[in-house]
């Protein structure tokens, strides 16, 4: 039996959360909750969700900032739920990467219909995959697989590997890797990047791991062709 879709709710209003979670579960969805922008973004980057419901007015990082931080780092579709219903807020949401905008207050039945429509649309699209030697990067599920077995990369390790693979053949500096694939919270040193690369190589194994080349004095490069 296929697991039901897993939805992350990023919302800080306890009253909204209670009814929203109950309605989603009654509709057959699995749910997780983050009540701040920073914790929501962290979960989005580390865990595979089928869809995110995102409030705009959040403590810490607001919804717009979450959407911007997700650019090129997470492919999960986002539906914005917000009491900011003016046209500029709607347009900015779409420009920042949201796939839909639902104003508050909303009818639960309509929200569920919009979610199902979005998920069915996503299922009709081919899965986005990249290959590296004997492994497959599933960009939608955020998994790295060998013979359909998950190699257990963490969220940040997946970000680094996908970043390098998508730019195969081009050397990337440690700063570029850190800025695009790692956490924006706290200091990220060259040693942090090196540690991620080391763990990625070990998890990929000798064939795929050898494709992550060190470019001395610069950083790293992903080679997809045999040397």
C-alpha atoms as a PDB file:
ATOM      1  CA  UNK A   1       0.000   0.000   0.000  1.00  0.00           C
ATOM      2  CA  UNK A   2       1.393   3.411  -1.018  1.00  0.00           C
ATOM      3  CA  UNK A   3       1.909   5.886   1.806  1.00  0.00           C
ATOM      4  CA  UNK A   4      -0.451   8.827   1.809  1.00  0.00           C
ATOM      5  CA  UNK A   5       1.038  12.204   0.803  1.00  0.00           C
ATOM      6  CA  UNK A   6       3.081  13.891   3.532  1.00  0.00           C
ATOM      7  CA  UNK A   7       2.367  17.588   4.049  1.00  0.00           C
ATOM      8  CA  UNK A   8       4.420  20.037   6.109  1.00  0.00           C
ATOM      9  CA  UNK A   9       2.386  22.838   7.688  1.00  0.00           C
ATOM     10  CA  UNK A  10       4.432  25.961   8.495  1.00  0.00           C
ATOM     11  CA  UNK A  11       2.056  28.070  10.600  1.00  0.00           C
ATOM     12  CA  UNK A  12       2.386  29.835  13.971  1.00  0.00           C
ATOM     13  CA  UNK A  13      -1.283  30.482  14.782  1.00  0.00           C
ATOM     14  CA  UNK A  14      -2.304  27.698  17.187  1.00  0.00           C
ATOM     15  CA  UNK A  15      -5.987  28.155  16.367  1.00  0.00           C
ATOM     16  CA  UNK A  16      -5.412  27.779  12.636  1.00  0.00           C
ATOM     17  CA  UNK A  17      -3.037  24.854  13.175  1.00  0.00           C
ATOM     18  CA  UNK A  18      -5.552  22.823  15.169  1.00  0.00           C
ATOM     19  CA  UNK A  19      -8.276  22.931  12.530  1.00  0.00           C
ATOM     20  CA  UNK A  20      -5.851  22.632   9.640  1.00  0.00           C
ATOM     21  CA  UNK A  21      -4.098  19.528  10.928  1.00  0.00           C
ATOM     22  CA  UNK A  22      -7.411  17.888  11.827  1.00  0.00           C
ATOM     23  CA  UNK A  23      -8.883  18.616   8.392  1.00  0.00           C
ATOM     24  CA  UNK A  24      -5.810  17.369   6.534  1.00  0.00           C
ATOM     25  CA  UNK A  25      -5.708  14.132   8.492  1.00  0.00           C
ATOM     26  CA  UNK A  26      -9.416  13.554   7.959  1.00  0.00           C
ATOM     27  CA  UNK A  27      -8.755  13.977   4.227  1.00  0.00           C
ATOM     28  CA  UNK A  28      -6.169  11.189   4.407  1.00  0.00           C
ATOM     29  CA  UNK A  29      -2.913  13.163   4.452  1.00  0.00           C
ATOM     30  CA  UNK A  30       0.029  12.653   6.769  1.00  0.00           C
ATOM     31  CA  UNK A  31       1.086  15.905   8.436  1.00  0.00           C
ATOM     32  CA  UNK A  32       4.063  17.493  10.155  1.00  0.00           C
ATOM     33  CA  UNK A  33       4.204  20.925  11.775  1.00  0.00           C
ATOM     34  CA  UNK A  34       6.733  23.748  12.081  1.00  0.00           C
ATOM     35  CA  UNK A  35       5.667  26.921  13.890  1.00  0.00           C
ATOM     36  CA  UNK A  36       8.443  29.266  12.715  1.00  0.00           C
ATOM     37  CA  UNK A  37      10.058  30.107   9.407  1.00  0.00           C
ATOM     38  CA  UNK A  38      13.545  28.933  10.370  1.00  0.00           C
ATOM     39  CA  UNK A  39      12.415  25.544  11.673  1.00  0.00           C
ATOM     40  CA  UNK A  40      10.150  25.127   8.651  1.00  0.00           C
ATOM     41  CA  UNK A  41      12.993  25.798   6.210  1.00  0.00           C
ATOM     42  CA  UNK A  42      15.281  23.419   8.076  1.00  0.00           C
ATOM     43  CA  UNK A  43      12.746  20.602   7.773  1.00  0.00           C
ATOM     44  CA  UNK A  44      12.084  21.355   4.102  1.00  0.00           C
ATOM     45  CA  UNK A  45      15.793  21.068   3.315  1.00  0.00           C
ATOM     46  CA  UNK A  46      16.317  17.896   5.350  1.00  0.00           C
ATOM     47  CA  UNK A  47      13.134  15.852   4.881  1.00  0.00           C
ATOM     48  CA  UNK A  48      11.130  14.641   1.862  1.00  0.00           C
ATOM     49  CA  UNK A  49       7.652  16.188   1.830  1.00  0.00           C
ATOM     50  CA  UNK A  50       5.065  15.981  -0.947  1.00  0.00           C
ATOM     51  CA  UNK A  51       3.771  19.508  -0.351  1.00  0.00           C
ATOM     52  CA  UNK A  52       4.225  22.470   2.006  1.00  0.00           C
ATOM     53  CA  UNK A  53       1.489  24.778   3.328  1.00  0.00           C
ATOM     54  CA  UNK A  54       3.237  28.037   4.230  1.00  0.00           C
ATOM     55  CA  UNK A  55       2.032  31.065   6.159  1.00  0.00           C
ATOM     56  CA  UNK A  56       3.668  34.382   5.282  1.00  0.00           C
ATOM     57  CA  UNK A  57       3.655  36.115   8.678  1.00  0.00           C
ATOM     58  CA  UNK A  58       5.925  33.856  10.707  1.00  0.00           C
ATOM     59  CA  UNK A  59       8.299  34.449  13.613  1.00  0.00           C
ATOM     60  CA  UNK A  60      11.936  34.677  12.587  1.00  0.00           C
ATOM     61  CA  UNK A  61      12.211  34.111   8.851  1.00  0.00           C
ATOM     62  CA  UNK A  62       8.939  35.111   7.164  1.00  0.00           C
ATOM     63  CA  UNK A  63       7.233  33.138   4.413  1.00  0.00           C
ATOM     64  CA  UNK A  64       8.747  35.170   1.583  1.00  0.00           C
ATOM     65  CA  UNK A  65      12.215  34.575   3.007  1.00  0.00           C
ATOM     66  CA  UNK A  66      11.511  30.851   3.289  1.00  0.00           C
ATOM     67  CA  UNK A  67      10.467  30.730  -0.372  1.00  0.00           C
ATOM     68  CA  UNK A  68      13.565  32.636  -1.468  1.00  0.00           C
ATOM     69  CA  UNK A  69      15.850  30.390   0.587  1.00  0.00           C
ATOM     70  CA  UNK A  70      14.274  27.320  -1.049  1.00  0.00           C
ATOM     71  CA  UNK A  71      15.235  28.440  -4.551  1.00  0.00           C
ATOM     72  CA  UNK A  72      17.439  25.800  -6.236  1.00  0.00           C
ATOM     73  CA  UNK A  73      17.657  23.940  -2.904  1.00  0.00           C
ATOM     74  CA  UNK A  74      14.277  22.193  -2.635  1.00  0.00           C
ATOM     75  CA  UNK A  75      11.724  21.194  -5.272  1.00  0.00           C
ATOM     76  CA  UNK A  76       8.699  20.527  -3.064  1.00  0.00           C
ATOM     77  CA  UNK A  77       5.573  22.496  -4.162  1.00  0.00           C
ATOM     78  CA  UNK A  78       4.436  25.253  -1.779  1.00  0.00           C
ATOM     79  CA  UNK A  79       0.901  26.563  -1.314  1.00  0.00           C
ATOM     80  CA  UNK A  80       0.795  29.851   0.567  1.00  0.00           C
ATOM     81  CA  UNK A  81      -1.933  30.334   3.186  1.00  0.00           C
ATOM     82  CA  UNK A  82      -2.077  33.945   4.309  1.00  0.00           C
ATOM     83  CA  UNK A  83      -4.195  36.757   5.675  1.00  0.00           C
ATOM     84  CA  UNK A  84      -2.129  39.073   3.461  1.00  0.00           C
ATOM     85  CA  UNK A  85      -4.530  39.019   0.560  1.00  0.00           C
ATOM     86  CA  UNK A  86      -3.522  42.147  -1.388  1.00  0.00           C
ATOM     87  CA  UNK A  87      -2.260  41.783  -4.950  1.00  0.00           C
ATOM     88  CA  UNK A  88       1.409  42.608  -4.176  1.00  0.00           C
ATOM     89  CA  UNK A  89       1.557  39.793  -1.584  1.00  0.00           C
ATOM     90  CA  UNK A  90       0.010  37.342  -4.032  1.00  0.00           C
ATOM     91  CA  UNK A  91       2.343  38.327  -6.857  1.00  0.00           C
ATOM     92  CA  UNK A  92       5.415  38.222  -4.630  1.00  0.00           C
ATOM     93  CA  UNK A  93       4.428  34.738  -3.443  1.00  0.00           C
ATOM     94  CA  UNK A  94       4.264  33.422  -7.001  1.00  0.00           C
ATOM     95  CA  UNK A  95       7.444  35.254  -8.018  1.00  0.00           C
ATOM     96  CA  UNK A  96       9.211  33.654  -5.049  1.00  0.00           C
ATOM     97  CA  UNK A  97       8.205  30.157  -6.134  1.00  0.00           C
ATOM     98  CA  UNK A  98       4.772  29.342  -4.644  1.00  0.00           C
ATOM     99  CA  UNK A  99       2.520  27.172  -6.833  1.00  0.00           C
ATOM    100  CA  UNK A 100      -0.750  28.453  -5.348  1.00  0.00           C
ATOM    101  CA  UNK A 101      -2.098  31.099  -2.962  1.00  0.00           C
ATOM    102  CA  UNK A 102      -5.072  30.527  -0.634  1.00  0.00           C
ATOM    103  CA  UNK A 103      -6.294  33.547   1.358  1.00  0.00           C
ATOM    104  CA  UNK A 104      -7.371  33.249   4.989  1.00  0.00           C
ATOM    105  CA  UNK A 105     -10.017  32.497   6.067  1.00  0.00           C
ATOM    106  CA  UNK A 106     -10.494  29.557   3.724  1.00  0.00           C
ATOM    107  CA  UNK A 107     -12.833  26.610   3.292  1.00  0.00           C
ATOM    108  CA  UNK A 108     -11.123  23.353   4.238  1.00  0.00           C
ATOM    109  CA  UNK A 109     -12.869  21.525   1.397  1.00  0.00           C
ATOM    110  CA  UNK A 110     -11.437  23.980  -1.151  1.00  0.00           C
ATOM    111  CA  UNK A 111      -7.933  23.711   0.307  1.00  0.00           C
ATOM    112  CA  UNK A 112      -8.048  19.914   0.174  1.00  0.00           C
ATOM    113  CA  UNK A 113      -9.227  20.084  -3.459  1.00  0.00           C
ATOM    114  CA  UNK A 114      -6.358  22.428  -4.343  1.00  0.00           C
ATOM    115  CA  UNK A 115      -3.840  20.135  -2.618  1.00  0.00           C
ATOM    116  CA  UNK A 116      -5.128  17.057  -4.429  1.00  0.00           C
ATOM    117  CA  UNK A 117      -5.092  18.873  -7.747  1.00  0.00           C
ATOM    118  CA  UNK A 118      -1.501  19.958  -7.215  1.00  0.00           C
ATOM    119  CA  UNK A 119      -0.381  16.481  -6.131  1.00  0.00           C
ATOM    120  CA  UNK A 120      -2.126  14.811  -9.081  1.00  0.00           C
ATOM    121  CA  UNK A 121      -0.499  17.324 -11.425  1.00  0.00           C
ATOM    122  CA  UNK A 122       2.875  16.515  -9.916  1.00  0.00           C
ATOM    123  CA  UNK A 123       2.321  12.778 -10.334  1.00  0.00           C
ATOM    124  CA  UNK A 124       1.650  13.291 -14.009  1.00  0.00           C
ATOM    125  CA  UNK A 125       5.097  14.812 -14.472  1.00  0.00           C
ATOM    126  CA  UNK A 126       8.151  12.586 -14.969  1.00  0.00           C
ATOM    127  CA  UNK A 127      10.370  12.257 -11.903  1.00  0.00           C
ATOM    128  CA  UNK A 128      13.446  14.417 -12.021  1.00  0.00           C
ATOM    129  CA  UNK A 129      16.501  12.204 -11.715  1.00  0.00           C
ATOM    130  CA  UNK A 130      20.225  12.593 -12.223  1.00  0.00           C
ATOM    131  CA  UNK A 131      22.703   9.749 -12.575  1.00  0.00           C
ATOM    132  CA  UNK A 132      26.215   9.577 -11.240  1.00  0.00           C
ATOM    133  CA  UNK A 133      28.062   6.351 -12.075  1.00  0.00           C
ATOM    134  CA  UNK A 134      26.058   3.577 -10.351  1.00  0.00           C
ATOM    135  CA  UNK A 135      23.756   5.810  -8.272  1.00  0.00           C
ATOM    136  CA  UNK A 136      20.612   7.837  -8.997  1.00  0.00           C
ATOM    137  CA  UNK A 137      19.753  11.203  -7.454  1.00  0.00           C
ATOM    138  CA  UNK A 138      15.970  11.443  -7.141  1.00  0.00           C
ATOM    139  CA  UNK A 139      15.505  15.217  -6.959  1.00  0.00           C
ATOM    140  CA  UNK A 140      11.807  15.011  -6.075  1.00  0.00           C
ATOM    141  CA  UNK A 141      12.151  12.515  -3.226  1.00  0.00           C
ATOM    142  CA  UNK A 142      15.570  13.956  -2.266  1.00  0.00           C
ATOM    143  CA  UNK A 143      17.113  10.499  -2.130  1.00  0.00           C
ATOM    144  CA  UNK A 144      20.307   8.970  -3.483  1.00  0.00           C
ATOM    145  CA  UNK A 145      19.745   5.352  -4.523  1.00  0.00           C
ATOM    146  CA  UNK A 146      21.766   2.370  -5.682  1.00  0.00           C
ATOM    147  CA  UNK A 147      19.650  -0.500  -6.982  1.00  0.00           C
ATOM    148  CA  UNK A 148      16.650   1.276  -5.364  1.00  0.00           C
ATOM    149  CA  UNK A 149      18.331   1.196  -1.933  1.00  0.00           C
ATOM    150  CA  UNK A 150      18.652   4.508  -0.089  1.00  0.00           C
ATOM    151  CA  UNK A 151      22.293   5.395   0.642  1.00  0.00           C
ATOM    152  CA  UNK A 152      21.258   7.501   3.639  1.00  0.00           C
ATOM    153  CA  UNK A 153      22.561  10.945   2.717  1.00  0.00           C
ATOM    154  CA  UNK A 154      21.481  13.714   5.066  1.00  0.00           C
ATOM    155  CA  UNK A 155      19.592  16.747   3.769  1.00  0.00           C
ATOM    156  CA  UNK A 156      22.722  18.888   3.560  1.00  0.00           C
ATOM    157  CA  UNK A 157      24.753  16.085   1.980  1.00  0.00           C
ATOM    158  CA  UNK A 158      22.053  15.697  -0.660  1.00  0.00           C
ATOM    159  CA  UNK A 159      22.131  19.471  -1.294  1.00  0.00           C
ATOM    160  CA  UNK A 160      25.898  19.434  -1.828  1.00  0.00           C
ATOM    161  CA  UNK A 161      25.836  16.408  -4.125  1.00  0.00           C
ATOM    162  CA  UNK A 162      22.914  17.710  -6.197  1.00  0.00           C
ATOM    163  CA  UNK A 163      24.569  21.139  -6.476  1.00  0.00           C
ATOM    164  CA  UNK A 164      27.788  19.603  -7.837  1.00  0.00           C
ATOM    165  CA  UNK A 165      26.016  17.087 -10.107  1.00  0.00           C
ATOM    166  CA  UNK A 166      23.824  19.770 -11.670  1.00  0.00           C
ATOM    167  CA  UNK A 167      27.021  21.671 -12.517  1.00  0.00           C
ATOM    168  CA  UNK A 168      28.958  18.623 -13.675  1.00  0.00           C
ATOM    169  CA  UNK A 169      32.301  19.362 -15.275  1.00  0.00           C
ATOM    170  CA  UNK A 170      32.613  22.794 -13.669  1.00  0.00           C
ATOM    171  CA  UNK A 171      34.765  23.463 -10.626  1.00  0.00           C
ATOM    172  CA  UNK A 172      32.881  25.008  -7.704  1.00  0.00           C
ATOM    173  CA  UNK A 173      34.585  26.872  -4.883  1.00  0.00           C
ATOM    174  CA  UNK A 174      33.923  25.942  -1.280  1.00  0.00           C
ATOM    175  CA  UNK A 175      32.209  29.308  -0.840  1.00  0.00           C
ATOM    176  CA  UNK A 176      29.851  28.613  -3.756  1.00  0.00           C
ATOM    177  CA  UNK A 177      28.990  25.210  -2.311  1.00  0.00           C
ATOM    178  CA  UNK A 178      28.382  26.610   1.169  1.00  0.00           C
ATOM    179  CA  UNK A 179      26.273  29.540  -0.035  1.00  0.00           C
ATOM    180  CA  UNK A 180      24.066  27.440  -2.300  1.00  0.00           C
ATOM    181  CA  UNK A 181      23.797  24.082  -0.540  1.00  0.00           C
ATOM    182  CA  UNK A 182      24.410  24.478   3.177  1.00  0.00           C
ATOM    183  CA  UNK A 183      22.707  26.186   6.093  1.00  0.00           C
ATOM    184  CA  UNK A 184      22.562  29.966   6.225  1.00  0.00           C
ATOM    185  CA  UNK A 185      22.567  29.824  10.030  1.00  0.00           C
ATOM    186  CA  UNK A 186      25.945  30.207  11.688  1.00  0.00           C
ATOM    187  CA  UNK A 187      29.430  30.163  10.181  1.00  0.00           C
ATOM    188  CA  UNK A 188      30.184  27.630   7.458  1.00  0.00           C
ATOM    189  CA  UNK A 189      33.925  27.141   7.015  1.00  0.00           C
ATOM    190  CA  UNK A 190      35.949  25.428   4.301  1.00  0.00           C
ATOM    191  CA  UNK A 191      36.443  22.583   6.741  1.00  0.00           C
ATOM    192  CA  UNK A 192      32.650  22.171   7.019  1.00  0.00           C
ATOM    193  CA  UNK A 193      32.410  21.744   3.244  1.00  0.00           C
ATOM    194  CA  UNK A 194      35.341  19.298   3.234  1.00  0.00           C
ATOM    195  CA  UNK A 195      33.659  17.218   5.946  1.00  0.00           C
ATOM    196  CA  UNK A 196      30.434  16.989   3.932  1.00  0.00           C
ATOM    197  CA  UNK A 197      32.364  15.940   0.819  1.00  0.00           C
ATOM    198  CA  UNK A 198      34.237  13.255   2.757  1.00  0.00           C
ATOM    199  CA  UNK A 199      31.010  11.752   4.112  1.00  0.00           C
ATOM    200  CA  UNK A 200      29.336  11.921   0.692  1.00  0.00           C
ATOM    201  CA  UNK A 201      32.202  10.023  -0.941  1.00  0.00           C
ATOM    202  CA  UNK A 202      32.056   7.290   1.679  1.00  0.00           C
ATOM    203  CA  UNK A 203      28.290   6.858   1.317  1.00  0.00           C
ATOM    204  CA  UNK A 204      28.468   6.825  -2.494  1.00  0.00           C
ATOM    205  CA  UNK A 205      31.090   4.089  -2.530  1.00  0.00           C
ATOM    206  CA  UNK A 206      34.227   3.805  -4.666  1.00  0.00           C
ATOM    207  CA  UNK A 207      32.720   4.180  -8.142  1.00  0.00           C
ATOM    208  CA  UNK A 208      30.381   7.149  -7.661  1.00  0.00           C
ATOM    209  CA  UNK A 209      32.461   8.649  -4.854  1.00  0.00           C
ATOM    210  CA  UNK A 210      35.477   8.900  -7.153  1.00  0.00           C
ATOM    211  CA  UNK A 211      33.469  11.192  -9.440  1.00  0.00           C
ATOM    212  CA  UNK A 212      33.620  13.952  -6.803  1.00  0.00           C
ATOM    213  CA  UNK A 213      37.027  15.362  -7.670  1.00  0.00           C
ATOM    214  CA  UNK A 214      39.119  17.746  -5.570  1.00  0.00           C
ATOM    215  CA  UNK A 215      40.266  20.779  -7.548  1.00  0.00           C
ATOM    216  CA  UNK A 216      43.296  21.936  -5.633  1.00  0.00           C
ATOM    217  CA  UNK A 217      43.259  25.606  -4.707  1.00  0.00           C
ATOM    218  CA  UNK A 218      39.629  25.977  -5.786  1.00  0.00           C
ATOM    219  CA  UNK A 219      37.175  23.414  -4.416  1.00  0.00           C
ATOM    220  CA  UNK A 220      35.417  20.449  -6.021  1.00  0.00           C
ATOM    221  CA  UNK A 221      34.100  19.234  -9.368  1.00  0.00           C
ATOM    222  CA  UNK A 222      31.685  16.453 -10.271  1.00  0.00           C
ATOM    223  CA  UNK A 223      32.791  14.364 -13.253  1.00  0.00           C
ATOM    224  CA  UNK A 224      30.081  12.316 -14.948  1.00  0.00           C
ATOM    225  CA  UNK A 225      32.275  10.795 -17.660  1.00  0.00           C
ATOM    226  CA  UNK A 226      34.937   8.177 -17.130  1.00  0.00           C
ATOM    227  CA  UNK A 227      38.404   9.644 -16.831  1.00  0.00           C
END
